[in-house]
Amino acid sequence: MAILSVTFPFFALVLIGYLAARLRILPLVAVPGMNTFVLYFALTAMLFQLGARTPIAELLDPVVLGLWFLSGLLIMAIAATTALRRKLGWLDASFGALIAVLPNSGFMGVPLLTTLLGATANGPIIASLLVDIVLIQSLGVAFSHRGAGEKRSAWAELRGALTRMSRNPLPWAIALGGAWGATGLTLPAPIDQVITLLAAAATPVALFTIGAVLAREQGNTPDGRIRTGIRAFGDVYWLAALKLFAHPLFVWLLGRGAIALGLPLSESALVVLVLAAALPAAANVSVLAERFGADNGRVARVILVSTVLSFASFSAAVALLT
């Protein structure tokens, strides 16, 4: 009950946002505006504050960064390989890999894990977010162009993906916060208050927006109905299982191996990373899939299924690890 008292309000806000959009209380045309507010204002303010309060050594811990990157590559390889065996092509294989590995760290993970674990979660969760945005997402988008009519070198694809990543405000907010925190200076009180107010809005608005996005993407499926059954879902169950179970398991196994080898990885940091991996799939992958022409219905269903199932699976992971 102590765990549910923390996790339930977070998932309840997602459900409220879903119902508000599904019942058209919230117009679907308002969802992009809410996404913009969270991404460019509220969440950036929260990450700036967390970056400023976290030592640079924790933000750029090489063991944490390497562990998260390696576990992500393994999940991506499994998801992409199984999709290619099903003859889906590189575009859908790449976005299947992204949806199987990218957790909803920004909109859900940062506020949820800092609430559950306190300030000790700041460094590992922000480091994992940096790897996801800068490396994992860039690699996935780069590989999605393989097999397309226009032939470009792998370096050109990766460079284009990194250019798109540079337009994402979240890593810049973390970098600026870390740089400001390293100076030891404090912001003028009025500016600090503005940032604090924006940061306070990040958690409820972000969670509400996740639900609204899920409702919107469900409405974009051909029949607009929730699909049930293995055949209807295709590999959605498989991708959701990779996200919710295989990813945290790989992180835990690699983390235990790193500790056994004597690498400087704390138990608390490993717990944060495992719980971050146990989060549901990232909602922004649906936006990327739509932009690049992948099967967005498939991606949206993975997000929906993993979000619903994660209420139980994430709570169980917290009970096991804390």
Protein backbone atom coordinates (compact mmCIF):
# COMPACT_ATOMS: atom_id res chain seq x y z
CA MET A 1 0.00 0.00 0.00
CA ALA A 2 2.88 2.36 0.69
CA ILE A 3 4.15 1.82 -2.87
CA LEU A 4 0.70 2.14 -4.41
CA SER A 5 0.13 5.37 -2.50
CA VAL A 6 3.00 6.83 -4.54
CA THR A 7 2.48 5.15 -7.92
CA PHE A 8 -1.32 5.26 -8.07
CA PRO A 9 -1.66 9.09 -8.34
CA PHE A 10 0.81 9.13 -11.25
CA PHE A 11 -1.07 6.50 -13.24
CA ALA A 12 -4.41 8.01 -12.20
CA LEU A 13 -3.41 11.30 -13.83
CA VAL A 14 -2.59 9.39 -17.03
CA LEU A 15 -6.04 7.77 -16.91
CA ILE A 16 -7.74 11.12 -16.32
CA GLY A 17 -5.96 12.62 -19.32
CA TYR A 18 -6.93 9.60 -21.41
CA LEU A 19 -10.59 9.85 -20.45
CA ALA A 20 -10.66 13.61 -20.95
CA ALA A 21 -9.43 13.23 -24.52
CA ARG A 22 -11.37 10.06 -25.24
CA LEU A 23 -14.63 11.66 -24.15
CA ARG A 24 -13.71 14.85 -26.04
CA ILE A 25 -13.81 16.94 -22.86
CA LEU A 26 -10.34 17.95 -23.94
CA PRO A 27 -10.28 18.73 -27.68
CA LEU A 28 -7.69 16.61 -29.47
CA VAL A 29 -6.41 19.73 -31.22
CA ALA A 30 -5.21 20.92 -27.80
CA VAL A 31 -2.90 17.93 -27.29
CA PRO A 32 0.01 19.27 -29.40
CA GLY A 33 -0.11 22.53 -27.46
CA MET A 34 0.07 20.67 -24.16
CA ASN A 35 2.99 18.63 -25.48
CA THR A 36 4.76 21.85 -26.43
CA PHE A 37 4.20 23.38 -23.00
CA VAL A 38 5.57 20.33 -21.21
CA LEU A 39 8.53 19.79 -23.53
CA TYR A 40 9.71 23.37 -24.01
CA PHE A 41 8.72 24.97 -20.73
CA ALA A 42 7.69 22.83 -17.73
CA LEU A 43 9.94 19.81 -18.21
CA THR A 44 12.92 21.90 -19.29
CA ALA A 45 12.55 23.97 -16.12
CA MET A 46 12.42 20.82 -13.99
CA LEU A 47 15.49 19.32 -15.69
CA PHE A 48 17.38 22.60 -15.38
CA GLN A 49 16.75 22.57 -11.63
CA LEU A 50 17.69 18.90 -11.27
CA GLY A 51 20.82 19.42 -13.37
CA ALA A 52 21.84 22.39 -11.26
CA ARG A 53 21.40 20.38 -8.04
CA THR A 54 23.28 17.30 -9.26
CA PRO A 55 27.08 17.11 -9.40
CA ILE A 56 28.53 16.84 -12.91
CA ALA A 57 30.26 13.60 -11.93
CA GLU A 58 26.83 12.00 -11.36
CA LEU A 59 25.31 13.41 -14.54
CA LEU A 60 28.18 12.02 -16.63
CA ASP A 61 29.01 8.87 -14.67
CA PRO A 62 30.71 6.67 -17.32
CA VAL A 63 29.60 3.40 -15.70
CA VAL A 64 25.96 4.49 -15.57
CA LEU A 65 26.09 5.85 -19.13
CA GLY A 66 27.80 2.72 -20.47
CA LEU A 67 25.49 0.31 -18.65
CA TRP A 68 22.37 2.05 -19.89
CA PHE A 69 23.67 2.30 -23.46
CA LEU A 70 24.75 -1.35 -23.65
CA SER A 71 21.47 -2.67 -22.25
CA GLY A 72 19.58 -0.45 -24.71
CA LEU A 73 21.60 -1.76 -27.67
CA LEU A 74 20.84 -5.35 -26.67
CA ILE A 75 17.08 -4.70 -26.51
CA MET A 76 17.19 -2.79 -29.81
CA ALA A 77 19.05 -5.65 -31.49
CA ILE A 78 16.51 -8.23 -30.30
CA ALA A 79 13.49 -6.13 -31.31
CA ALA A 80 14.92 -5.18 -34.72
CA THR A 81 16.04 -8.73 -35.51
CA THR A 82 12.64 -10.25 -34.78
CA ALA A 83 10.92 -7.54 -36.84
CA LEU A 84 13.24 -8.10 -39.81
CA ARG A 85 12.54 -11.83 -39.60
CA ARG A 86 8.86 -10.94 -39.95
CA LYS A 87 9.74 -9.01 -43.15
CA LEU A 88 8.68 -5.65 -41.73
CA GLY A 89 11.54 -3.69 -43.28
CA TRP A 90 14.11 -1.40 -41.67
CA LEU A 91 11.72 1.49 -41.05
CA ASP A 92 9.27 -0.43 -38.87
CA ALA A 93 12.04 -2.61 -37.43
CA SER A 94 13.87 0.49 -36.22
CA PHE A 95 10.79 2.07 -34.67
CA GLY A 96 9.87 -1.25 -33.08
CA ALA A 97 13.35 -1.24 -31.55
CA LEU A 98 12.88 2.33 -30.30
CA ILE A 99 9.50 1.66 -28.73
CA ALA A 100 10.91 -1.47 -27.05
CA VAL A 101 13.81 0.38 -25.43
CA LEU A 102 12.87 4.01 -24.81
CA PRO A 103 11.12 4.48 -21.44
CA ASN A 104 8.89 7.43 -20.67
CA SER A 105 11.64 8.95 -18.54
CA GLY A 106 10.95 12.59 -19.32
CA PHE A 107 7.19 12.82 -18.81
CA MET A 108 6.87 10.09 -16.16
CA GLY A 109 10.19 8.71 -14.94
CA VAL A 110 11.84 11.87 -13.63
CA PRO A 111 8.97 12.95 -11.34
CA LEU A 112 8.01 9.40 -10.36
CA LEU A 113 11.50 8.16 -9.46
CA THR A 114 12.50 11.34 -7.65
CA THR A 115 9.30 11.06 -5.61
CA LEU A 116 9.95 7.39 -4.82
CA LEU A 117 13.69 7.51 -4.20
CA GLY A 118 14.51 11.14 -3.46
CA ALA A 119 17.54 13.09 -4.63
CA THR A 120 19.63 9.93 -5.12
CA ALA A 121 17.62 9.26 -8.29
CA ASN A 122 18.60 12.55 -9.94
CA GLY A 123 21.97 11.57 -11.40
CA PRO A 124 21.12 8.11 -12.82
CA ILE A 125 17.72 9.06 -14.28
CA ILE A 126 19.08 12.20 -15.95
CA ALA A 127 22.11 10.28 -17.26
CA SER A 128 19.80 7.63 -18.74
CA LEU A 129 17.67 10.34 -20.33
CA LEU A 130 20.77 11.84 -21.97
CA VAL A 131 21.76 8.47 -23.43
CA ASP A 132 18.23 7.90 -24.74
CA ILE A 133 17.97 11.29 -26.43
CA VAL A 134 21.53 11.69 -27.71
CA LEU A 135 22.47 8.10 -28.65
CA ILE A 136 19.61 5.57 -28.65
CA GLN A 137 17.06 7.76 -30.41
CA SER A 138 19.64 9.02 -32.93
CA LEU A 139 20.74 5.47 -33.78
CA GLY A 140 17.16 4.27 -34.18
CA VAL A 141 16.23 7.11 -36.52
CA ALA A 142 19.46 6.66 -38.49
CA PHE A 143 18.86 2.94 -39.04
CA SER A 144 15.23 3.56 -40.01
CA HIS A 145 16.45 4.93 -43.35
CA ARG A 146 18.24 1.74 -44.38
CA GLY A 147 16.59 0.19 -47.40
CA ALA A 148 14.95 3.47 -48.42
CA GLY A 149 15.13 4.62 -52.00
CA GLU A 150 17.61 7.39 -51.23
CA LYS A 151 20.98 5.84 -50.40
CA ARG A 152 22.98 7.69 -47.78
CA SER A 153 25.99 6.64 -45.78
CA ALA A 154 25.52 5.49 -42.21
CA TRP A 155 27.50 8.53 -41.06
CA ALA A 156 25.22 10.88 -42.99
CA GLU A 157 22.17 9.26 -41.42
CA LEU A 158 23.65 9.47 -37.94
CA ARG A 159 24.67 13.08 -38.48
CA GLY A 160 21.13 13.94 -39.57
CA ALA A 161 19.71 12.19 -36.52
CA LEU A 162 22.09 14.08 -34.23
CA THR A 163 21.07 17.34 -35.89
CA ARG A 164 17.42 16.57 -35.11
CA MET A 165 18.41 15.64 -31.56
CA SER A 166 20.10 19.02 -31.11
CA ARG A 167 16.68 20.67 -31.50
CA ASN A 168 15.38 18.78 -28.47
CA PRO A 169 15.37 21.18 -25.48
CA LEU A 170 15.77 18.49 -22.80
CA PRO A 171 19.52 17.77 -23.14
CA TRP A 172 20.18 21.50 -23.37
CA ALA A 173 18.22 22.09 -20.16
CA ILE A 174 20.26 19.39 -18.41
CA ALA A 175 23.55 20.76 -19.76
CA LEU A 176 22.72 24.35 -18.82
CA GLY A 177 21.56 23.28 -15.38
CA GLY A 178 24.70 21.25 -14.78
CA ALA A 179 26.91 24.11 -15.97
CA TRP A 180 25.08 26.61 -13.76
CA GLY A 181 25.26 24.32 -10.75
CA ALA A 182 29.01 23.91 -11.26
CA THR A 183 29.49 27.67 -10.88
CA GLY A 184 28.08 27.61 -7.35
CA LEU A 185 26.00 30.70 -8.10
CA THR A 186 22.32 31.17 -7.32
CA LEU A 187 19.73 32.60 -9.66
CA PRO A 188 18.06 35.92 -8.84
CA ALA A 189 14.98 35.24 -6.73
CA PRO A 190 12.36 36.35 -9.31
CA ILE A 191 13.89 34.18 -12.06
CA ASP A 192 14.25 31.23 -9.71
CA GLN A 193 10.59 31.58 -8.74
CA VAL A 194 9.50 31.53 -12.40
CA ILE A 195 11.52 28.37 -13.04
CA THR A 196 10.13 26.78 -9.88
CA LEU A 197 6.55 27.52 -10.92
CA LEU A 198 7.13 26.03 -14.38
CA ALA A 199 8.84 22.98 -12.88
CA ALA A 200 5.94 22.43 -10.49
CA ALA A 201 3.59 22.20 -13.47
CA ALA A 202 5.70 19.55 -15.21
CA THR A 203 4.49 16.47 -13.35
CA PRO A 204 0.68 16.87 -13.46
CA VAL A 205 0.57 18.34 -16.96
CA ALA A 206 3.02 15.77 -18.36
CA LEU A 207 1.09 12.82 -16.94
CA PHE A 208 -2.24 14.25 -18.08
CA THR A 209 -0.73 14.79 -21.54
CA ILE A 210 0.49 11.18 -21.75
CA GLY A 211 -3.11 10.03 -21.31
CA ALA A 212 -4.38 12.50 -23.90
CA VAL A 213 -1.73 11.36 -26.38
CA LEU A 214 -2.73 7.73 -25.85
CA ALA A 215 -6.37 8.57 -26.53
CA ARG A 216 -5.45 10.56 -29.63
CA GLU A 217 -3.24 7.83 -31.09
CA GLN A 218 -5.85 5.19 -30.40
CA GLY A 219 -8.28 7.29 -32.38
CA ASN A 220 -5.81 7.30 -35.27
CA THR A 221 -6.03 3.52 -35.71
CA PRO A 222 -8.10 2.43 -38.75
CA ASP A 223 -11.20 1.47 -36.79
CA GLY A 224 -10.66 3.71 -33.75
CA ARG A 225 -11.33 0.82 -31.35
CA ILE A 226 -9.20 -0.91 -28.74
CA ARG A 227 -7.96 -4.09 -30.39
CA THR A 228 -7.77 -7.35 -28.48
CA GLY A 229 -6.23 -10.71 -29.30
CA ILE A 230 -2.74 -11.74 -30.34
CA ARG A 231 -3.42 -11.64 -34.08
CA ALA A 232 -4.91 -8.15 -33.92
CA PHE A 233 -1.94 -6.85 -31.97
CA GLY A 234 0.75 -8.47 -34.12
CA ASP A 235 4.05 -8.12 -32.25
CA VAL A 236 2.73 -5.50 -29.81
CA TYR A 237 2.71 -7.93 -26.89
CA TRP A 238 6.28 -8.96 -27.72
CA LEU A 239 7.54 -5.37 -27.87
CA ALA A 240 5.71 -4.45 -24.66
CA ALA A 241 7.26 -7.48 -22.93
CA LEU A 242 10.73 -6.42 -24.09
CA LYS A 243 10.09 -2.96 -22.66
CA LEU A 244 8.58 -3.92 -19.32
CA PHE A 245 10.42 -7.14 -18.48
CA ALA A 246 13.46 -7.80 -20.67
CA HIS A 247 14.88 -4.28 -20.50
CA PRO A 248 14.93 -4.01 -16.67
CA LEU A 249 16.21 -7.60 -16.45
CA PHE A 250 19.12 -6.82 -18.79
CA VAL A 251 19.95 -3.67 -16.85
CA TRP A 252 19.93 -5.61 -13.58
CA LEU A 253 22.10 -8.44 -14.94
CA LEU A 254 24.62 -6.06 -16.50
CA GLY A 255 24.64 -3.98 -13.32
CA ARG A 256 25.30 -7.00 -11.13
CA GLY A 257 28.09 -7.97 -13.49
CA ALA A 258 29.60 -4.49 -13.31
CA ILE A 259 29.52 -4.54 -9.50
CA ALA A 260 31.07 -8.02 -9.47
CA LEU A 261 33.90 -6.72 -11.68
CA GLY A 262 34.54 -3.97 -9.17
CA LEU A 263 33.28 -1.09 -11.32
CA PRO A 264 32.13 1.97 -9.34
CA LEU A 265 28.38 1.42 -9.57
CA SER A 266 26.37 1.93 -6.40
CA GLU A 267 23.42 -0.25 -5.47
CA SER A 268 21.17 2.82 -5.33
CA ALA A 269 22.14 3.87 -8.87
CA LEU A 270 21.43 0.36 -10.16
CA VAL A 271 17.98 0.40 -8.55
CA VAL A 272 17.20 3.71 -10.26
CA LEU A 273 18.30 2.37 -13.65
CA VAL A 274 16.32 -0.86 -13.30
CA LEU A 275 13.18 1.07 -12.36
CA ALA A 276 13.75 3.51 -15.22
CA ALA A 277 13.95 0.55 -17.60
CA ALA A 278 10.68 -0.80 -16.13
CA LEU A 279 8.79 2.35 -17.14
CA PRO A 280 6.29 2.14 -20.02
CA ALA A 281 7.28 3.02 -23.57
CA ALA A 282 7.97 6.65 -24.42
CA ALA A 283 5.02 8.50 -25.91
CA ASN A 284 7.20 10.69 -28.13
CA VAL A 285 8.16 7.68 -30.30
CA SER A 286 4.66 7.88 -31.76
CA VAL A 287 5.37 11.44 -32.91
CA LEU A 288 8.62 10.30 -34.54
CA ALA A 289 6.93 7.32 -36.19
CA GLU A 290 4.27 9.57 -37.69
CA ARG A 291 6.90 12.01 -38.92
CA PHE A 292 8.98 9.36 -40.67
CA GLY A 293 6.12 7.30 -42.06
CA ALA A 294 6.41 4.19 -39.89
CA ASP A 295 3.43 2.13 -38.70
CA ASN A 296 2.22 4.56 -36.07
CA GLY A 297 -0.74 2.38 -35.10
CA ARG A 298 1.65 -0.37 -34.04
CA VAL A 299 3.79 2.05 -32.06
CA ALA A 300 0.78 3.66 -30.39
CA ARG A 301 -0.59 0.27 -29.32
CA VAL A 302 2.74 -0.64 -27.70
CA ILE A 303 2.61 2.64 -25.76
CA LEU A 304 -0.98 1.96 -24.68
CA VAL A 305 -0.39 -1.68 -23.68
CA SER A 306 2.87 -0.98 -21.85
CA THR A 307 1.34 1.96 -19.97
CA VAL A 308 -1.65 -0.09 -18.81
CA LEU A 309 0.45 -3.11 -17.81
CA SER A 310 3.16 -1.04 -16.15
CA PHE A 311 0.84 0.00 -13.33
CA ALA A 312 1.17 -3.55 -12.01
CA SER A 313 4.65 -4.42 -13.33
CA PHE A 314 6.31 -1.18 -12.23
CA SER A 315 4.74 -1.36 -8.77
CA ALA A 316 5.98 -4.96 -8.49
CA ALA A 317 9.49 -3.87 -9.51
CA VAL A 318 9.48 -1.16 -6.85
CA ALA A 319 8.36 -3.69 -4.23
CA LEU A 320 11.18 -6.07 -5.21
CA LEU A 321 13.96 -3.49 -5.33
CA THR A 322 13.17 -1.03 -2.53
